[in-house]
PDB file of N, CA and C in Angstrom:
ATOM      1  N   MET A   1       0.820  -1.138   0.004  1.00  0.00           N
ATOM      2  CA  MET A   1      -0.056  -0.063   0.027  1.00  0.00           C
ATOM      3  C   MET A   1       0.864   1.207   0.018  1.00  0.00           C
ATOM      4  N   PRO A   2       0.575   2.266  -0.873  1.00  0.00           N
ATOM      5  CA  PRO A   2       1.438   3.359  -0.915  1.00  0.00           C
ATOM      6  C   PRO A   2       1.268   4.219   0.423  1.00  0.00           C
ATOM      7  N   ALA A   3       2.263   5.074   0.690  1.00  0.00           N
ATOM      8  CA  ALA A   3       2.182   5.808   1.817  1.00  0.00           C
ATOM      9  C   ALA A   3       0.990   6.734   1.948  1.00  0.00           C
ATOM     10  N   ARG A   4       0.615   7.237   3.022  1.00  0.00           N
ATOM     11  CA  ARG A   4      -0.467   8.101   3.280  1.00  0.00           C
ATOM     12  C   ARG A   4      -1.779   7.546   2.906  1.00  0.00           C
ATOM     13  N   GLY A   5      -2.044   6.296   3.238  1.00  0.00           N
ATOM     14  CA  GLY A   5      -3.282   5.633   3.039  1.00  0.00           C
ATOM     15  C   GLY A   5      -3.663   5.282   1.628  1.00  0.00           C
ATOM     16  N   GLY A   6      -2.711   5.253   0.869  1.00  0.00           N
ATOM     17  CA  GLY A   6      -3.059   4.991  -0.649  1.00  0.00           C
ATOM     18  C   GLY A   6      -3.213   6.107  -1.500  1.00  0.00           C
ATOM     19  N   SER A   7      -2.841   7.255  -1.104  1.00  0.00           N
ATOM     20  CA  SER A   7      -3.238   8.457  -1.865  1.00  0.00           C
ATOM     21  C   SER A   7      -2.017   9.385  -1.730  1.00  0.00           C
ATOM     22  N   ALA A   8      -1.254   9.222  -2.923  1.00  0.00           N
ATOM     23  CA  ALA A   8       0.067  10.151  -2.992  1.00  0.00           C
ATOM     24  C   ALA A   8      -0.242  11.619  -3.059  1.00  0.00           C
ATOM     25  N   GLU A   9      -1.472  12.034  -3.315  1.00  0.00           N
ATOM     26  CA  GLU A   9      -1.857  13.334  -3.353  1.00  0.00           C
ATOM     27  C   GLU A   9      -2.199  13.899  -2.075  1.00  0.00           C
ATOM     28  N   LEU A  10      -2.447  13.120  -1.188  1.00  0.00           N
ATOM     29  CA  LEU A  10      -2.967  13.559   0.224  1.00  0.00           C
ATOM     30  C   LEU A  10      -1.832  14.416   1.001  1.00  0.00           C
ATOM     31  N   SER A  11      -2.260  15.612   1.432  1.00  0.00           N
ATOM     32  CA  SER A  11      -1.364  16.631   1.935  1.00  0.00           C
ATOM     33  C   SER A  11      -1.083  16.236   3.434  1.00  0.00           C
ATOM     34  N   LEU A  12      -0.124  16.675   3.998  1.00  0.00           N
ATOM     35  CA  LEU A  12       0.102  16.441   5.331  1.00  0.00           C
ATOM     36  C   LEU A  12      -0.898  16.882   6.283  1.00  0.00           C
ATOM     37  N   VAL A  13      -1.527  18.073   5.906  1.00  0.00           N
ATOM     38  CA  VAL A  13      -2.609  18.658   6.638  1.00  0.00           C
ATOM     39  C   VAL A  13      -3.813  17.641   6.674  1.00  0.00           C
ATOM     40  N   ASP A  14      -4.144  17.330   5.395  1.00  0.00           N
ATOM     41  CA  ASP A  14      -5.274  16.371   5.232  1.00  0.00           C
ATOM     42  C   ASP A  14      -4.943  15.122   6.100  1.00  0.00           C
ATOM     43  N   PHE A  15      -3.826  14.595   5.906  1.00  0.00           N
ATOM     44  CA  PHE A  15      -3.461  13.303   6.625  1.00  0.00           C
ATOM     45  C   PHE A  15      -3.606  13.480   8.217  1.00  0.00           C
ATOM     46  N   SER A  16      -3.038  14.563   8.776  1.00  0.00           N
ATOM     47  CA  SER A  16      -3.144  14.783  10.065  1.00  0.00           C
ATOM     48  C   SER A  16      -4.585  15.011  10.556  1.00  0.00           C
ATOM     49  N   ARG A  17      -5.413  15.497   9.754  1.00  0.00           N
ATOM     50  CA  ARG A  17      -6.731  15.756  10.151  1.00  0.00           C
ATOM     51  C   ARG A  17      -7.491  14.414  10.204  1.00  0.00           C
ATOM     52  N   ALA A  18      -7.172  13.533   9.257  1.00  0.00           N
ATOM     53  CA  ALA A  18      -7.722  12.116   9.184  1.00  0.00           C
ATOM     54  C   ALA A  18      -7.277  11.387  10.353  1.00  0.00           C
ATOM     55  N   VAL A  19      -6.102  11.509  10.697  1.00  0.00           N
ATOM     56  CA  VAL A  19      -5.546  10.832  11.995  1.00  0.00           C
ATOM     57  C   VAL A  19      -6.365  11.306  13.232  1.00  0.00           C
ATOM     58  N   ALA A  20      -6.465  12.690  13.368  1.00  0.00           N
ATOM     59  CA  ALA A  20      -7.221  13.195  14.484  1.00  0.00           C
ATOM     60  C   ALA A  20      -8.851  12.728  14.467  1.00  0.00           C
ATOM     61  N   PHE A  21      -9.291  12.690  13.199  1.00  0.00           N
ATOM     62  CA  PHE A  21     -10.696  12.209  12.950  1.00  0.00           C
ATOM     63  C   PHE A  21     -10.763  10.646  13.491  1.00  0.00           C
ATOM     64  N   MET A  22      -9.932   9.803  13.030  1.00  0.00           N
ATOM     65  CA  MET A  22      -9.858   8.371  13.543  1.00  0.00           C
ATOM     66  C   MET A  22      -9.665   8.204  15.021  1.00  0.00           C
ATOM     67  N   ALA A  23      -8.998   9.060  15.497  1.00  0.00           N
ATOM     68  CA  ALA A  23      -8.590   9.027  16.932  1.00  0.00           C
ATOM     69  C   ALA A  23     -10.062   9.474  17.851  1.00  0.00           C
ATOM     70  N   ARG A  24     -10.587  10.539  17.185  1.00  0.00           N
ATOM     71  CA  ARG A  24     -11.894  11.006  17.820  1.00  0.00           C
ATOM     72  C   ARG A  24     -12.849   9.819  17.677  1.00  0.00           C
ATOM     73  N   SER A  25     -12.965   9.072  16.581  1.00  0.00           N
ATOM     74  CA  SER A  25     -13.906   8.148  16.370  1.00  0.00           C
ATOM     75  C   SER A  25     -13.826   6.971  17.349  1.00  0.00           C
ATOM     76  N   SER A  26     -12.562   6.812  17.890  1.00  0.00           N
ATOM     77  CA  SER A  26     -12.290   5.593  18.766  1.00  0.00           C
ATOM     78  C   SER A  26     -12.423   6.086  20.173  1.00  0.00           C
ATOM     79  N   GLY A  27     -12.773   7.285  20.343  1.00  0.00           N
ATOM     80  CA  GLY A  27     -12.944   7.777  21.817  1.00  0.00           C
ATOM     81  C   GLY A  27     -11.999   8.678  22.278  1.00  0.00           C
ATOM     82  N   ALA A  28     -10.951   9.022  21.580  1.00  0.00           N
ATOM     83  CA  ALA A  28      -9.840   9.952  21.969  1.00  0.00           C
ATOM     84  C   ALA A  28     -10.443  11.417  22.066  1.00  0.00           C
ATOM     85  N   ASN A  29      -9.806  12.414  22.569  1.00  0.00           N
ATOM     86  CA  ASN A  29     -10.173  13.752  22.697  1.00  0.00           C
ATOM     87  C   ASN A  29      -9.021  14.453  21.814  1.00  0.00           C
ATOM     88  N   TRP A  30      -8.858  14.155  20.599  1.00  0.00           N
ATOM     89  CA  TRP A  30      -7.925  14.878  19.524  1.00  0.00           C
ATOM     90  C   TRP A  30      -8.550  15.971  18.935  1.00  0.00           C
ATOM     91  N   GLN A  31      -7.967  17.068  18.656  1.00  0.00           N
ATOM     92  CA  GLN A  31      -8.306  18.150  17.927  1.00  0.00           C
ATOM     93  C   GLN A  31      -7.598  18.093  16.496  1.00  0.00           C
ATOM     94  N   ASP A  32      -8.209  18.690  15.526  1.00  0.00           N
ATOM     95  CA  ASP A  32      -7.367  18.907  14.253  1.00  0.00           C
ATOM     96  C   ASP A  32      -6.162  19.736  14.555  1.00  0.00           C
ATOM     97  N   PRO A  33      -5.033  19.461  13.972  1.00  0.00           N
ATOM     98  CA  PRO A  33      -3.904  20.234  14.324  1.00  0.00           C
ATOM     99  C   PRO A  33      -3.882  21.607  13.861  1.00  0.00           C
ATOM    100  N   ASP A  34      -3.284  22.597  14.754  1.00  0.00           N
ATOM    101  CA  ASP A  34      -3.313  23.796  14.302  1.00  0.00           C
ATOM    102  C   ASP A  34      -1.875  24.185  13.678  1.00  0.00           C
ATOM    103  N   ALA A  35      -1.647  25.392  13.446  1.00  0.00           N
ATOM    104  CA  ALA A  35      -0.372  25.661  12.637  1.00  0.00           C
ATOM    105  C   ALA A  35       0.892  25.300  13.462  1.00  0.00           C
ATOM    106  N   LYS A  36       0.836  25.509  14.771  1.00  0.00           N
ATOM    107  CA  LYS A  36       1.926  25.219  15.556  1.00  0.00           C
ATOM    108  C   LYS A  36       2.272  23.757  15.616  1.00  0.00           C
ATOM    109  N   LEU A  37       1.282  22.945  15.708  1.00  0.00           N
ATOM    110  CA  LEU A  37       1.357  21.372  15.791  1.00  0.00           C
ATOM    111  C   LEU A  37       1.811  20.953  14.433  1.00  0.00           C
ATOM    112  N   LEU A  38       1.249  21.524  13.357  1.00  0.00           N
ATOM    113  CA  LEU A  38       1.741  21.090  11.995  1.00  0.00           C
ATOM    114  C   LEU A  38       3.065  21.411  11.783  1.00  0.00           C
ATOM    115  N   PHE A  39       3.550  22.473  12.372  1.00  0.00           N
ATOM    116  CA  PHE A  39       5.094  22.776  12.222  1.00  0.00           C
ATOM    117  C   PHE A  39       5.928  21.865  12.933  1.00  0.00           C
ATOM    118  N   LYS A  40       5.358  21.347  13.996  1.00  0.00           N
ATOM    119  CA  LYS A  40       6.306  20.373  14.784  1.00  0.00           C
ATOM    120  C   LYS A  40       6.211  19.172  14.162  1.00  0.00           C
ATOM    121  N   ILE A  41       5.090  18.801  13.397  1.00  0.00           N
ATOM    122  CA  ILE A  41       4.909  17.434  12.726  1.00  0.00           C
ATOM    123  C   ILE A  41       5.927  17.509  11.309  1.00  0.00           C
ATOM    124  N   VAL A  42       5.917  18.716  10.747  1.00  0.00           N
ATOM    125  CA  VAL A  42       6.760  18.850   9.541  1.00  0.00           C
ATOM    126  C   VAL A  42       8.316  18.659   9.954  1.00  0.00           C
ATOM    127  N   HIS A  43       8.675  19.299  11.099  1.00  0.00           N
ATOM    128  CA  HIS A  43       9.926  19.341  11.660  1.00  0.00           C
ATOM    129  C   HIS A  43      10.392  17.833  12.078  1.00  0.00           C
ATOM    130  N   GLU A  44       9.386  17.095  12.576  1.00  0.00           N
ATOM    131  CA  GLU A  44       9.773  15.616  12.881  1.00  0.00           C
ATOM    132  C   GLU A  44       9.864  14.837  11.752  1.00  0.00           C
ATOM    133  N   ALA A  45       9.052  14.961  10.795  1.00  0.00           N
ATOM    134  CA  ALA A  45       9.039  14.274   9.416  1.00  0.00           C
ATOM    135  C   ALA A  45      10.366  14.551   8.770  1.00  0.00           C
ATOM    136  N   ASP A  46      10.677  15.858   8.718  1.00  0.00           N
ATOM    137  CA  ASP A  46      12.028  16.151   7.980  1.00  0.00           C
ATOM    138  C   ASP A  46      13.200  15.535   8.885  1.00  0.00           C
ATOM    139  N   LYS A  47      13.289  15.509  10.104  1.00  0.00           N
ATOM    140  CA  LYS A  47      14.272  14.892  10.749  1.00  0.00           C
ATOM    141  C   LYS A  47      14.314  13.465  10.540  1.00  0.00           C
ATOM    142  N   ARG A  48      13.267  12.756  10.583  1.00  0.00           N
ATOM    143  CA  ARG A  48      13.290  11.279  10.185  1.00  0.00           C
ATOM    144  C   ARG A  48      13.667  10.949   8.882  1.00  0.00           C
ATOM    145  N   LEU A  49      13.280  11.786   7.913  1.00  0.00           N
ATOM    146  CA  LEU A  49      13.695  11.640   6.402  1.00  0.00           C
ATOM    147  C   LEU A  49      15.157  11.791   6.343  1.00  0.00           C
ATOM    148  N   VAL A  50      15.718  12.857   6.906  1.00  0.00           N
ATOM    149  CA  VAL A  50      17.190  12.927   6.787  1.00  0.00           C
ATOM    150  C   VAL A  50      18.006  11.823   7.546  1.00  0.00           C
ATOM    151  N   GLN A  51      17.429  11.288   8.681  1.00  0.00           N
ATOM    152  CA  GLN A  51      18.132  10.147   9.148  1.00  0.00           C
ATOM    153  C   GLN A  51      17.942   8.902   8.268  1.00  0.00           C
ATOM    154  N   SER A  52      16.837   8.693   7.613  1.00  0.00           N
ATOM    155  CA  SER A  52      16.622   7.604   6.741  1.00  0.00           C
ATOM    156  C   SER A  52      17.650   7.627   5.515  1.00  0.00           C
ATOM    157  N   ILE A  53      17.699   8.691   5.033  1.00  0.00           N
ATOM    158  CA  ILE A  53      18.728   9.124   3.856  1.00  0.00           C
ATOM    159  C   ILE A  53      19.973   8.776   4.414  1.00  0.00           C
ATOM    160  N   ASN A  54      20.436   9.329   5.540  1.00  0.00           N
ATOM    161  CA  ASN A  54      21.901   9.132   6.023  1.00  0.00           C
ATOM    162  C   ASN A  54      21.945   7.454   6.252  1.00  0.00           C
ATOM    163  N   GLU A  55      21.009   6.812   6.705  1.00  0.00           N
ATOM    164  CA  GLU A  55      21.168   5.423   6.846  1.00  0.00           C
ATOM    165  C   GLU A  55      21.150   4.685   5.474  1.00  0.00           C
ATOM    166  N   GLN A  56      20.735   5.097   4.517  1.00  0.00           N
ATOM    167  CA  GLN A  56      20.594   4.540   3.176  1.00  0.00           C
ATOM    168  C   GLN A  56      21.989   4.832   2.544  1.00  0.00           C
ATOM    169  N   LYS A  57      22.499   5.977   2.731  1.00  0.00           N
ATOM    170  CA  LYS A  57      23.941   6.249   2.248  1.00  0.00           C
ATOM    171  C   LYS A  57      24.901   5.346   2.833  1.00  0.00           C
ATOM    172  N   ALA A  58      24.760   5.178   4.165  1.00  0.00           N
ATOM    173  CA  ALA A  58      25.749   4.233   4.776  1.00  0.00           C
ATOM    174  C   ALA A  58      25.684   2.861   4.281  1.00  0.00           C
ATOM    175  N   MET A  59      24.450   2.483   3.972  1.00  0.00           N
ATOM    176  CA  MET A  59      24.260   1.105   3.502  1.00  0.00           C
ATOM    177  C   MET A  59      24.941   1.126   2.032  1.00  0.00           C
ATOM    178  N   GLN A  60      24.738   2.072   1.334  1.00  0.00           N
ATOM    179  CA  GLN A  60      25.373   2.106  -0.097  1.00  0.00           C
ATOM    180  C   GLN A  60      26.885   2.035   0.079  1.00  0.00           C
ATOM    181  N   ARG A  61      27.382   2.963   0.889  1.00  0.00           N
ATOM    182  CA  ARG A  61      28.912   2.812   1.081  1.00  0.00           C
ATOM    183  C   ARG A  61      29.265   1.508   1.422  1.00  0.00           C
ATOM    184  N   GLU A  62      28.547   0.760   2.206  1.00  0.00           N
ATOM    185  CA  GLU A  62      28.936  -0.535   2.766  1.00  0.00           C
ATOM    186  C   GLU A  62      28.921  -1.456   1.569  1.00  0.00           C
ATOM    187  N   LEU A  63      27.865  -1.428   0.789  1.00  0.00           N
ATOM    188  CA  LEU A  63      27.741  -2.252  -0.453  1.00  0.00           C
ATOM    189  C   LEU A  63      28.911  -2.106  -1.399  1.00  0.00           C
ATOM    190  N   HIS A  64      29.305  -0.842  -1.645  1.00  0.00           N
ATOM    191  CA  HIS A  64      30.286  -0.515  -2.549  1.00  0.00           C
ATOM    192  C   HIS A  64      31.776  -1.131  -1.898  1.00  0.00           C
ATOM    193  N   ARG A  65      31.898  -0.871  -0.586  1.00  0.00           N
ATOM    194  CA  ARG A  65      33.032  -1.491   0.131  1.00  0.00           C
ATOM    195  C   ARG A  65      33.171  -2.967  -0.122  1.00  0.00           C
ATOM    196  N   ILE A  66      32.002  -3.637   0.099  1.00  0.00           N
ATOM    197  CA  ILE A  66      31.920  -5.136  -0.072  1.00  0.00           C
ATOM    198  C   ILE A  66      32.248  -5.498  -1.494  1.00  0.00           C
ATOM    199  N   ALA A  67      31.718  -4.845  -2.497  1.00  0.00           N
ATOM    200  CA  ALA A  67      31.789  -5.159  -3.715  1.00  0.00           C
ATOM    201  C   ALA A  67      33.162  -4.861  -4.586  1.00  0.00           C
ATOM    202  N   LYS A  68      33.904  -4.021  -3.662  1.00  0.00           N
ATOM    203  CA  LYS A  68      35.212  -3.529  -4.254  1.00  0.00           C
ATOM    204  C   LYS A  68      36.180  -4.777  -4.670  1.00  0.00           C
ATOM    205  N   PRO A  69      36.549  -4.956  -5.697  1.00  0.00           N
ATOM    206  CA  PRO A  69      37.526  -6.057  -6.003  1.00  0.00           C
ATOM    207  C   PRO A  69      38.827  -5.976  -5.199  1.00  0.00           C
ATOM    208  N   THR A  70      39.194  -7.117  -4.839  1.00  0.00           N
ATOM    209  CA  THR A  70      40.599  -7.191  -3.997  1.00  0.00           C
ATOM    210  C   THR A  70      41.678  -7.484  -5.060  1.00  0.00           C
ATOM    211  N   ARG A  71      42.661  -6.959  -4.853  1.00  0.00           N
ATOM    212  CA  ARG A  71      43.876  -7.115  -5.724  1.00  0.00           C
ATOM    213  C   ARG A  71      44.747  -8.166  -5.220  1.00  0.00           C
TER     214      ARG A  71
END
């Protein structure tokens, strides 16, 4: 299943509102995210994306190291 519930066009705002709606539907007291919370969500998502990219680069370096022919 693609990210964001199957819709690549779904914005972060719409996704966040959908999560809040589902939480409310199950009895939680969640409100739709305001601008401050959305900023925190974007910051966290960016931090995780950078971490993931760095991990992938490290794996790529390791693969290149392993594949390097020995003399």
